[in-house]
Amino acid sequence: MNIKKYVLGSFLFVVGLTASAQKFAYVDTEYILKHMPEYKSSLTQLDGLSKLYQKQIDDSFADIDRMYKTYQADQVLLTDEMRRRRENDIIEKEKKAKEMQRQKFGPDGELFQMRTKLIKPIQEKVTTTIAETAKNKFIDFVFDKSSESTMMIYASSNYDISNDVIIRLGYKPGTLVN
């Protein structure tokens, strides 16, 4: 029994020594990104594209609504063949509008692809700079304070290297891009 306590105690002591030798830091990537004009520009571009796509889709559904209301008003005057043709036209136009919506806003849609094209290089630049900053400061682990998946209950500001990353990216801390 004593040998088990000794082994367990030794193991915990070694783990404690190893953990105390490691350096931790955190960044706030949202804060860092707000200092980057290219990020702000990309978001503005994506917002404009999103509004354009939404207007196209809204216009298409408004046309469908007008077609349907006209059909309802004219329905009593139409032959069976004319009614079927009008109904098919409305159904077909609605299918096309839904397909356009999927193509623009779907998981593989144009907006998602544009977001990847514009934002991914910025994120890679920030990630690379964080890694370089951590290596230069001999930091073993860096956590993202703004990430939803990692939660920090407490963090001393002594370990926040966000401003160091902003400086290495060539920007001035405290000058947020509006």
N, C-alpha and C. Protein backbone atom coordinates (compact mmCIF):
# COMPACT_ATOMS: atom_id res chain seq x y z
N MET A 1 0.82 -1.18 0.00
CA MET A 1 0.00 0.00 0.00
C MET A 1 0.87 1.25 0.00
N ASN A 2 1.96 1.24 0.76
CA ASN A 2 2.85 2.39 0.83
C ASN A 2 3.51 2.66 -0.52
N ILE A 3 3.84 1.60 -1.24
CA ILE A 3 4.48 1.77 -2.55
C ILE A 3 3.53 2.45 -3.53
N LYS A 4 2.21 2.12 -3.44
CA LYS A 4 1.23 2.75 -4.32
C LYS A 4 1.13 4.24 -4.01
N LYS A 5 1.12 4.59 -2.73
CA LYS A 5 1.06 6.00 -2.34
C LYS A 5 2.31 6.73 -2.84
N TYR A 6 3.47 6.06 -2.72
CA TYR A 6 4.72 6.67 -3.15
C TYR A 6 4.71 6.91 -4.66
N VAL A 7 4.28 5.91 -5.45
CA VAL A 7 4.23 6.03 -6.90
C VAL A 7 3.24 7.11 -7.31
N LEU A 8 2.07 7.11 -6.68
CA LEU A 8 1.06 8.12 -6.99
C LEU A 8 1.57 9.51 -6.61
N GLY A 9 2.17 9.63 -5.45
CA GLY A 9 2.71 10.91 -5.00
C GLY A 9 3.81 11.39 -5.93
N SER A 10 4.70 10.51 -6.36
CA SER A 10 5.79 10.86 -7.28
C SER A 10 5.22 11.29 -8.63
N PHE A 11 4.21 10.56 -9.09
CA PHE A 11 3.58 10.90 -10.37
C PHE A 11 2.97 12.29 -10.31
N LEU A 12 2.21 12.58 -9.25
CA LEU A 12 1.59 13.89 -9.10
C LEU A 12 2.64 14.99 -8.98
N PHE A 13 3.74 14.71 -8.31
CA PHE A 13 4.82 15.69 -8.18
C PHE A 13 5.43 16.00 -9.55
N VAL A 14 5.69 14.98 -10.36
CA VAL A 14 6.26 15.17 -11.70
C VAL A 14 5.28 15.94 -12.59
N VAL A 15 3.99 15.57 -12.54
CA VAL A 15 2.98 16.28 -13.31
C VAL A 15 2.93 17.74 -12.89
N GLY A 16 2.99 17.99 -11.59
CA GLY A 16 2.99 19.35 -11.08
C GLY A 16 4.18 20.14 -11.55
N LEU A 17 5.36 19.53 -11.54
CA LEU A 17 6.57 20.22 -12.03
C LEU A 17 6.46 20.53 -13.52
N THR A 18 5.95 19.57 -14.28
CA THR A 18 5.81 19.75 -15.72
C THR A 18 4.82 20.88 -16.01
N ALA A 19 3.71 20.88 -15.31
CA ALA A 19 2.70 21.90 -15.53
C ALA A 19 3.21 23.28 -15.15
N SER A 20 3.99 23.36 -14.07
CA SER A 20 4.46 24.67 -13.64
C SER A 20 5.52 25.22 -14.59
N ALA A 21 6.18 24.38 -15.36
CA ALA A 21 7.20 24.83 -16.30
C ALA A 21 6.58 25.34 -17.60
N GLN A 22 5.34 25.04 -17.84
CA GLN A 22 4.68 25.47 -19.07
C GLN A 22 4.13 26.87 -18.91
N LYS A 23 4.21 27.65 -19.99
CA LYS A 23 3.68 29.01 -19.96
C LYS A 23 2.42 29.06 -20.81
N PHE A 24 1.42 29.73 -20.26
CA PHE A 24 0.14 29.88 -20.92
C PHE A 24 -0.09 31.36 -21.23
N ALA A 25 -0.84 31.61 -22.29
CA ALA A 25 -1.22 32.98 -22.62
C ALA A 25 -2.57 32.91 -23.32
N TYR A 26 -3.16 34.07 -23.50
CA TYR A 26 -4.41 34.11 -24.24
C TYR A 26 -4.43 35.32 -25.16
N VAL A 27 -5.27 35.24 -26.15
CA VAL A 27 -5.51 36.36 -27.05
C VAL A 27 -7.02 36.54 -27.17
N ASP A 28 -7.39 37.68 -27.65
CA ASP A 28 -8.79 37.97 -27.97
C ASP A 28 -8.82 38.24 -29.47
N THR A 29 -9.14 37.21 -30.25
CA THR A 29 -9.07 37.37 -31.71
C THR A 29 -10.08 38.40 -32.23
N GLU A 30 -11.22 38.53 -31.57
CA GLU A 30 -12.17 39.56 -31.99
C GLU A 30 -11.53 40.94 -31.86
N TYR A 31 -10.85 41.18 -30.76
CA TYR A 31 -10.15 42.44 -30.51
C TYR A 31 -9.06 42.66 -31.58
N ILE A 32 -8.32 41.61 -31.87
CA ILE A 32 -7.25 41.71 -32.88
C ILE A 32 -7.84 42.03 -34.24
N LEU A 33 -8.88 41.30 -34.65
CA LEU A 33 -9.50 41.51 -35.96
C LEU A 33 -10.07 42.92 -36.11
N LYS A 34 -10.56 43.51 -35.01
CA LYS A 34 -11.11 44.86 -35.06
C LYS A 34 -10.03 45.91 -35.34
N HIS A 35 -8.77 45.54 -35.23
CA HIS A 35 -7.66 46.44 -35.53
C HIS A 35 -7.21 46.33 -36.99
N MET A 36 -7.79 45.42 -37.73
CA MET A 36 -7.33 45.14 -39.09
C MET A 36 -8.29 45.72 -40.13
N PRO A 37 -7.85 46.75 -40.85
CA PRO A 37 -8.73 47.36 -41.87
C PRO A 37 -9.18 46.35 -42.93
N GLU A 38 -8.33 45.39 -43.28
CA GLU A 38 -8.71 44.42 -44.30
C GLU A 38 -9.85 43.51 -43.82
N TYR A 39 -9.92 43.28 -42.52
CA TYR A 39 -11.02 42.48 -41.98
C TYR A 39 -12.32 43.28 -42.06
N LYS A 40 -12.26 44.54 -41.65
CA LYS A 40 -13.43 45.42 -41.71
C LYS A 40 -13.90 45.54 -43.16
N SER A 41 -12.98 45.71 -44.08
CA SER A 41 -13.31 45.83 -45.50
C SER A 41 -13.99 44.56 -46.01
N SER A 42 -13.47 43.41 -45.60
CA SER A 42 -14.05 42.13 -46.02
C SER A 42 -15.47 41.98 -45.48
N LEU A 43 -15.68 42.36 -44.22
CA LEU A 43 -17.02 42.27 -43.64
C LEU A 43 -18.00 43.20 -44.36
N THR A 44 -17.53 44.40 -44.71
CA THR A 44 -18.37 45.35 -45.44
C THR A 44 -18.74 44.78 -46.81
N GLN A 45 -17.75 44.19 -47.47
CA GLN A 45 -17.99 43.59 -48.78
C GLN A 45 -18.99 42.44 -48.67
N LEU A 46 -18.83 41.59 -47.67
CA LEU A 46 -19.75 40.46 -47.47
C LEU A 46 -21.16 40.95 -47.14
N ASP A 47 -21.25 41.99 -46.33
CA ASP A 47 -22.55 42.55 -45.97
C ASP A 47 -23.26 43.10 -47.21
N GLY A 48 -22.51 43.80 -48.06
CA GLY A 48 -23.09 44.33 -49.30
C GLY A 48 -23.58 43.22 -50.21
N LEU A 49 -22.77 42.17 -50.34
CA LEU A 49 -23.13 41.03 -51.17
C LEU A 49 -24.37 40.32 -50.62
N SER A 50 -24.42 40.17 -49.31
CA SER A 50 -25.56 39.54 -48.66
C SER A 50 -26.85 40.33 -48.93
N LYS A 51 -26.76 41.64 -48.80
CA LYS A 51 -27.93 42.50 -49.06
C LYS A 51 -28.37 42.42 -50.51
N LEU A 52 -27.41 42.38 -51.43
CA LEU A 52 -27.73 42.26 -52.86
C LEU A 52 -28.45 40.95 -53.13
N TYR A 53 -27.90 39.85 -52.62
CA TYR A 53 -28.51 38.54 -52.81
C TYR A 53 -29.91 38.50 -52.20
N GLN A 54 -30.05 39.06 -50.99
CA GLN A 54 -31.35 39.05 -50.33
C GLN A 54 -32.37 39.84 -51.12
N LYS A 55 -31.96 40.97 -51.70
CA LYS A 55 -32.87 41.78 -52.51
C LYS A 55 -33.32 40.99 -53.75
N GLN A 56 -32.40 40.31 -54.40
CA GLN A 56 -32.75 39.50 -55.57
C GLN A 56 -33.78 38.43 -55.19
N ILE A 57 -33.56 37.78 -54.07
CA ILE A 57 -34.48 36.73 -53.62
C ILE A 57 -35.82 37.32 -53.23
N ASP A 58 -35.79 38.43 -52.49
CA ASP A 58 -37.04 39.09 -52.09
C ASP A 58 -37.84 39.54 -53.31
N ASP A 59 -37.15 40.09 -54.32
CA ASP A 59 -37.82 40.52 -55.55
C ASP A 59 -38.47 39.33 -56.25
N SER A 60 -37.76 38.22 -56.27
CA SER A 60 -38.28 37.01 -56.92
C SER A 60 -39.54 36.51 -56.20
N PHE A 61 -39.51 36.49 -54.87
CA PHE A 61 -40.70 36.05 -54.12
C PHE A 61 -41.83 37.06 -54.23
N ALA A 62 -41.51 38.33 -54.37
CA ALA A 62 -42.55 39.36 -54.57
C ALA A 62 -43.23 39.13 -55.93
N ASP A 63 -42.44 38.79 -56.96
CA ASP A 63 -43.02 38.47 -58.27
C ASP A 63 -43.95 37.26 -58.17
N ILE A 64 -43.53 36.26 -57.43
CA ILE A 64 -44.36 35.07 -57.25
C ILE A 64 -45.66 35.44 -56.56
N ASP A 65 -45.57 36.28 -55.54
CA ASP A 65 -46.76 36.72 -54.81
C ASP A 65 -47.72 37.47 -55.75
N ARG A 66 -47.17 38.35 -56.60
CA ARG A 66 -48.01 39.09 -57.56
C ARG A 66 -48.66 38.13 -58.56
N MET A 67 -47.87 37.17 -59.03
CA MET A 67 -48.41 36.18 -59.97
C MET A 67 -49.57 35.41 -59.33
N TYR A 68 -49.40 35.03 -58.05
CA TYR A 68 -50.42 34.26 -57.37
C TYR A 68 -51.69 35.09 -57.16
N LYS A 69 -51.53 36.35 -56.77
CA LYS A 69 -52.70 37.22 -56.56
C LYS A 69 -53.44 37.47 -57.87
N THR A 70 -52.69 37.65 -58.95
CA THR A 70 -53.31 37.84 -60.26
C THR A 70 -54.06 36.56 -60.67
N TYR A 71 -53.42 35.44 -60.42
CA TYR A 71 -54.04 34.15 -60.72
C TYR A 71 -55.34 33.99 -59.95
N GLN A 72 -55.34 34.32 -58.66
CA GLN A 72 -56.55 34.20 -57.84
C GLN A 72 -57.66 35.11 -58.38
N ALA A 73 -57.28 36.31 -58.79
CA ALA A 73 -58.29 37.25 -59.30
C ALA A 73 -58.86 36.78 -60.64
N ASP A 74 -58.02 36.17 -61.48
CA ASP A 74 -58.44 35.75 -62.82
C ASP A 74 -58.99 34.33 -62.86
N GLN A 75 -58.85 33.59 -61.79
CA GLN A 75 -59.13 32.16 -61.77
C GLN A 75 -60.51 31.79 -62.32
N VAL A 76 -61.52 32.53 -61.99
CA VAL A 76 -62.88 32.19 -62.44
C VAL A 76 -63.04 32.36 -63.94
N LEU A 77 -62.19 33.18 -64.56
CA LEU A 77 -62.30 33.44 -66.00
C LEU A 77 -61.44 32.48 -66.83
N LEU A 78 -60.60 31.69 -66.18
CA LEU A 78 -59.65 30.85 -66.90
C LEU A 78 -60.22 29.46 -67.19
N THR A 79 -59.79 28.91 -68.29
CA THR A 79 -60.14 27.51 -68.61
C THR A 79 -59.27 26.61 -67.74
N ASP A 80 -59.60 25.33 -67.69
CA ASP A 80 -58.80 24.39 -66.90
C ASP A 80 -57.35 24.37 -67.37
N GLU A 81 -57.15 24.37 -68.67
CA GLU A 81 -55.80 24.36 -69.24
C GLU A 81 -55.03 25.62 -68.83
N MET A 82 -55.67 26.78 -68.91
CA MET A 82 -55.02 28.04 -68.54
C MET A 82 -54.68 28.06 -67.05
N ARG A 83 -55.58 27.53 -66.22
CA ARG A 83 -55.32 27.47 -64.78
C ARG A 83 -54.11 26.59 -64.49
N ARG A 84 -54.06 25.40 -65.10
CA ARG A 84 -52.92 24.50 -64.90
C ARG A 84 -51.61 25.15 -65.33
N ARG A 85 -51.65 25.84 -66.47
CA ARG A 85 -50.45 26.49 -66.97
C ARG A 85 -49.98 27.58 -66.00
N ARG A 86 -50.92 28.39 -65.52
CA ARG A 86 -50.57 29.46 -64.57
C ARG A 86 -50.05 28.87 -63.26
N GLU A 87 -50.70 27.82 -62.76
CA GLU A 87 -50.26 27.17 -61.52
C GLU A 87 -48.84 26.61 -61.69
N ASN A 88 -48.60 25.96 -62.83
CA ASN A 88 -47.27 25.41 -63.11
C ASN A 88 -46.22 26.52 -63.20
N ASP A 89 -46.59 27.65 -63.81
CA ASP A 89 -45.67 28.79 -63.91
C ASP A 89 -45.30 29.29 -62.51
N ILE A 90 -46.30 29.39 -61.64
CA ILE A 90 -46.05 29.86 -60.27
C ILE A 90 -45.18 28.87 -59.52
N ILE A 91 -45.50 27.59 -59.63
CA ILE A 91 -44.72 26.54 -58.95
C ILE A 91 -43.28 26.54 -59.46
N GLU A 92 -43.11 26.65 -60.77
CA GLU A 92 -41.78 26.65 -61.37
C GLU A 92 -40.97 27.85 -60.91
N LYS A 93 -41.59 29.02 -60.88
CA LYS A 93 -40.91 30.24 -60.45
C LYS A 93 -40.52 30.13 -58.97
N GLU A 94 -41.39 29.53 -58.16
CA GLU A 94 -41.09 29.35 -56.74
C GLU A 94 -39.90 28.39 -56.55
N LYS A 95 -39.87 27.31 -57.34
CA LYS A 95 -38.73 26.38 -57.28
C LYS A 95 -37.43 27.09 -57.62
N LYS A 96 -37.47 27.92 -58.66
CA LYS A 96 -36.27 28.66 -59.07
C LYS A 96 -35.83 29.64 -57.99
N ALA A 97 -36.79 30.30 -57.34
CA ALA A 97 -36.45 31.25 -56.27
C ALA A 97 -35.81 30.53 -55.09
N LYS A 98 -36.35 29.37 -54.73
CA LYS A 98 -35.78 28.60 -53.63
C LYS A 98 -34.39 28.07 -53.98
N GLU A 99 -34.21 27.68 -55.23
CA GLU A 99 -32.90 27.21 -55.68
C GLU A 99 -31.89 28.37 -55.64
N MET A 100 -32.32 29.56 -56.07
CA MET A 100 -31.43 30.72 -56.02
C MET A 100 -31.06 31.02 -54.56
N GLN A 101 -32.02 30.90 -53.66
CA GLN A 101 -31.76 31.13 -52.24
C GLN A 101 -30.72 30.14 -51.73
N ARG A 102 -30.85 28.89 -52.12
CA ARG A 102 -29.88 27.86 -51.71
C ARG A 102 -28.50 28.15 -52.30
N GLN A 103 -28.46 28.55 -53.58
CA GLN A 103 -27.19 28.84 -54.24
C GLN A 103 -26.47 30.03 -53.63
N LYS A 104 -27.24 31.00 -53.16
CA LYS A 104 -26.63 32.22 -52.60
C LYS A 104 -26.29 32.04 -51.12
N PHE A 105 -27.21 31.46 -50.33
CA PHE A 105 -27.05 31.42 -48.89
C PHE A 105 -26.83 30.03 -48.30
N GLY A 106 -26.85 29.00 -49.09
CA GLY A 106 -26.69 27.64 -48.59
C GLY A 106 -25.29 27.38 -48.04
N PRO A 107 -25.10 26.21 -47.43
CA PRO A 107 -23.80 25.88 -46.83
C PRO A 107 -22.65 25.90 -47.84
N ASP A 108 -22.92 25.61 -49.08
CA ASP A 108 -21.90 25.69 -50.13
C ASP A 108 -22.19 26.83 -51.08
N GLY A 109 -22.99 27.78 -50.63
CA GLY A 109 -23.44 28.88 -51.47
C GLY A 109 -22.38 29.92 -51.75
N GLU A 110 -22.73 30.83 -52.63
CA GLU A 110 -21.80 31.87 -53.07
C GLU A 110 -21.34 32.75 -51.91
N LEU A 111 -22.23 33.08 -50.99
CA LEU A 111 -21.84 33.93 -49.87
C LEU A 111 -20.83 33.23 -48.98
N PHE A 112 -21.05 31.95 -48.70
CA PHE A 112 -20.11 31.17 -47.89
C PHE A 112 -18.75 31.08 -48.58
N GLN A 113 -18.76 30.83 -49.89
CA GLN A 113 -17.52 30.72 -50.63
C GLN A 113 -16.75 32.05 -50.64
N MET A 114 -17.49 33.16 -50.79
CA MET A 114 -16.85 34.47 -50.77
C MET A 114 -16.29 34.77 -49.38
N ARG A 115 -17.03 34.38 -48.35
CA ARG A 115 -16.55 34.59 -46.98
C ARG A 115 -15.24 33.83 -46.77
N THR A 116 -15.20 32.60 -47.22
CA THR A 116 -13.98 31.81 -47.11
C THR A 116 -12.83 32.48 -47.86
N LYS A 117 -13.12 32.94 -49.06
CA LYS A 117 -12.09 33.58 -49.89
C LYS A 117 -11.54 34.86 -49.23
N LEU A 118 -12.41 35.64 -48.61
CA LEU A 118 -11.99 36.91 -48.04
C LEU A 118 -11.43 36.78 -46.62
N ILE A 119 -12.06 35.97 -45.78
CA ILE A 119 -11.72 35.92 -44.36
C ILE A 119 -10.61 34.92 -44.03
N LYS A 120 -10.57 33.80 -44.74
CA LYS A 120 -9.59 32.76 -44.42
C LYS A 120 -8.14 33.26 -44.45
N PRO A 121 -7.72 34.03 -45.47
CA PRO A 121 -6.33 34.52 -45.45
C PRO A 121 -6.03 35.43 -44.25
N ILE A 122 -7.00 36.20 -43.84
CA ILE A 122 -6.83 37.09 -42.68
C ILE A 122 -6.69 36.25 -41.42
N GLN A 123 -7.54 35.23 -41.28
CA GLN A 123 -7.46 34.35 -40.11
C GLN A 123 -6.12 33.60 -40.08
N GLU A 124 -5.65 33.15 -41.23
CA GLU A 124 -4.36 32.46 -41.30
C GLU A 124 -3.22 33.39 -40.91
N LYS A 125 -3.30 34.65 -41.34
CA LYS A 125 -2.28 35.65 -41.00
C LYS A 125 -2.25 35.85 -39.48
N VAL A 126 -3.41 35.98 -38.88
CA VAL A 126 -3.50 36.18 -37.43
C VAL A 126 -2.98 34.94 -36.70
N THR A 127 -3.38 33.77 -37.14
CA THR A 127 -2.94 32.52 -36.49
C THR A 127 -1.43 32.37 -36.57
N THR A 128 -0.86 32.64 -37.73
CA THR A 128 0.60 32.55 -37.90
C THR A 128 1.31 33.55 -36.99
N THR A 129 0.78 34.76 -36.92
CA THR A 129 1.39 35.80 -36.08
C THR A 129 1.27 35.44 -34.60
N ILE A 130 0.17 34.85 -34.20
CA ILE A 130 0.01 34.40 -32.81
C ILE A 130 1.06 33.34 -32.50
N ALA A 131 1.23 32.40 -33.41
CA ALA A 131 2.21 31.32 -33.20
C ALA A 131 3.63 31.90 -33.10
N GLU A 132 3.95 32.85 -33.97
CA GLU A 132 5.29 33.47 -33.93
C GLU A 132 5.50 34.23 -32.62
N THR A 133 4.47 34.96 -32.20
CA THR A 133 4.55 35.72 -30.95
C THR A 133 4.73 34.78 -29.77
N ALA A 134 3.99 33.69 -29.76
CA ALA A 134 4.11 32.71 -28.67
C ALA A 134 5.51 32.10 -28.63
N LYS A 135 6.05 31.76 -29.79
CA LYS A 135 7.40 31.18 -29.85
C LYS A 135 8.43 32.18 -29.34
N ASN A 136 8.31 33.44 -29.75
CA ASN A 136 9.26 34.47 -29.32
C ASN A 136 9.19 34.73 -27.82
N LYS A 137 8.02 34.52 -27.22
CA LYS A 137 7.84 34.76 -25.79
C LYS A 137 7.95 33.45 -24.99
N PHE A 138 8.34 32.37 -25.66
CA PHE A 138 8.49 31.06 -25.04
C PHE A 138 7.20 30.63 -24.33
N ILE A 139 6.09 30.81 -25.01
CA ILE A 139 4.78 30.44 -24.47
C ILE A 139 4.39 29.09 -25.06
N ASP A 140 3.91 28.21 -24.20
CA ASP A 140 3.56 26.87 -24.62
C ASP A 140 2.14 26.75 -25.14
N PHE A 141 1.20 27.47 -24.54
CA PHE A 141 -0.20 27.37 -24.93
C PHE A 141 -0.81 28.77 -25.02
N VAL A 142 -1.63 28.97 -26.04
CA VAL A 142 -2.35 30.23 -26.20
C VAL A 142 -3.83 29.88 -26.38
N PHE A 143 -4.65 30.48 -25.59
CA PHE A 143 -6.09 30.27 -25.68
C PHE A 143 -6.74 31.49 -26.29
N ASP A 144 -7.84 31.28 -26.98
CA ASP A 144 -8.59 32.39 -27.56
C ASP A 144 -9.72 32.76 -26.61
N LYS A 145 -9.63 33.93 -26.06
CA LYS A 145 -10.61 34.40 -25.09
C LYS A 145 -11.98 34.60 -25.73
N SER A 146 -12.01 34.94 -27.02
CA SER A 146 -13.28 35.23 -27.69
C SER A 146 -13.96 33.99 -28.26
N SER A 147 -13.29 32.86 -28.22
CA SER A 147 -13.83 31.62 -28.78
C SER A 147 -14.93 31.07 -27.88
N GLU A 148 -16.00 30.58 -28.50
CA GLU A 148 -17.10 30.00 -27.73
C GLU A 148 -16.73 28.64 -27.15
N SER A 149 -15.83 27.93 -27.80
CA SER A 149 -15.51 26.58 -27.35
C SER A 149 -14.56 26.56 -26.15
N THR A 150 -13.77 27.61 -25.95
CA THR A 150 -12.86 27.68 -24.81
C THR A 150 -13.36 28.76 -23.87
N MET A 151 -13.60 28.37 -22.65
CA MET A 151 -14.10 29.34 -21.70
C MET A 151 -13.04 29.57 -20.63
N MET A 152 -12.78 30.82 -20.34
CA MET A 152 -11.86 31.15 -19.26
C MET A 152 -12.66 31.88 -18.18
N ILE A 153 -12.57 31.38 -17.01
CA ILE A 153 -13.24 32.00 -15.88
C ILE A 153 -12.44 33.21 -15.41
N TYR A 154 -11.14 33.08 -15.40
CA TYR A 154 -10.26 34.16 -14.98
C TYR A 154 -9.01 34.13 -15.84
N ALA A 155 -8.53 35.31 -16.17
CA ALA A 155 -7.27 35.41 -16.89
C ALA A 155 -6.61 36.72 -16.49
N SER A 156 -5.40 36.64 -16.00
CA SER A 156 -4.64 37.84 -15.67
C SER A 156 -4.26 38.55 -16.96
N SER A 157 -4.39 39.85 -16.96
CA SER A 157 -4.04 40.61 -18.17
C SER A 157 -2.55 40.51 -18.49
N ASN A 158 -1.75 40.05 -17.54
CA ASN A 158 -0.31 39.85 -17.78
C ASN A 158 -0.07 38.84 -18.90
N TYR A 159 -1.03 37.96 -19.11
CA TYR A 159 -0.86 36.92 -20.10
C TYR A 159 -1.56 37.21 -21.43
N ASP A 160 -2.19 38.37 -21.54
CA ASP A 160 -2.87 38.74 -22.78
C ASP A 160 -1.84 39.26 -23.77
N ILE A 161 -1.64 38.52 -24.84
CA ILE A 161 -0.66 38.92 -25.86
C ILE A 161 -1.34 39.50 -27.10
N SER A 162 -2.61 39.88 -26.99
CA SER A 162 -3.34 40.43 -28.14
C SER A 162 -2.65 41.66 -28.71
N ASN A 163 -2.22 42.60 -27.86
CA ASN A 163 -1.55 43.81 -28.36
C ASN A 163 -0.22 43.48 -29.03
N ASP A 164 0.50 42.49 -28.51
CA ASP A 164 1.75 42.06 -29.15
C ASP A 164 1.48 41.56 -30.57
N VAL A 165 0.39 40.81 -30.73
CA VAL A 165 0.02 40.29 -32.05
C VAL A 165 -0.35 41.45 -32.97
N ILE A 166 -1.12 42.41 -32.46
CA ILE A 166 -1.52 43.58 -33.28
C ILE A 166 -0.27 44.33 -33.75
N ILE A 167 0.71 44.54 -32.87
CA ILE A 167 1.95 45.23 -33.23
C ILE A 167 2.71 44.44 -34.29
N ARG A 168 2.81 43.12 -34.10
CA ARG A 168 3.53 42.28 -35.09
C ARG A 168 2.83 42.28 -36.44
N LEU A 169 1.51 42.48 -36.44
CA LEU A 169 0.77 42.56 -37.70
C LEU A 169 0.98 43.93 -38.37
N GLY A 170 1.57 44.87 -37.64
CA GLY A 170 1.86 46.19 -38.19
C GLY A 170 0.81 47.24 -37.88
N TYR A 171 0.01 47.01 -36.85
CA TYR A 171 -1.03 47.96 -36.49
C TYR A 171 -0.77 48.52 -35.11
N LYS A 172 -1.50 49.55 -34.73
CA LYS A 172 -1.34 50.19 -33.44
C LYS A 172 -2.49 49.79 -32.52
N PRO A 173 -2.16 49.18 -31.37
CA PRO A 173 -3.22 48.81 -30.43
C PRO A 173 -4.05 50.03 -30.00
N GLY A 174 -5.32 49.82 -29.81
CA GLY A 174 -6.20 50.89 -29.37
C GLY A 174 -6.80 51.71 -30.50
N THR A 175 -6.40 51.42 -31.74
CA THR A 175 -6.95 52.15 -32.89
C THR A 175 -7.86 51.22 -33.66
N LEU A 176 -9.04 51.02 -33.12
CA LEU A 176 -10.00 50.10 -33.74
C LEU A 176 -10.49 50.69 -35.06
N VAL A 177 -10.75 49.82 -36.02
CA VAL A 177 -11.26 50.22 -37.32
C VAL A 177 -12.77 50.32 -37.22
N ASN A 178 -13.33 51.44 -37.60
CA ASN A 178 -14.80 51.61 -37.53
C ASN A 178 -15.45 51.25 -38.80
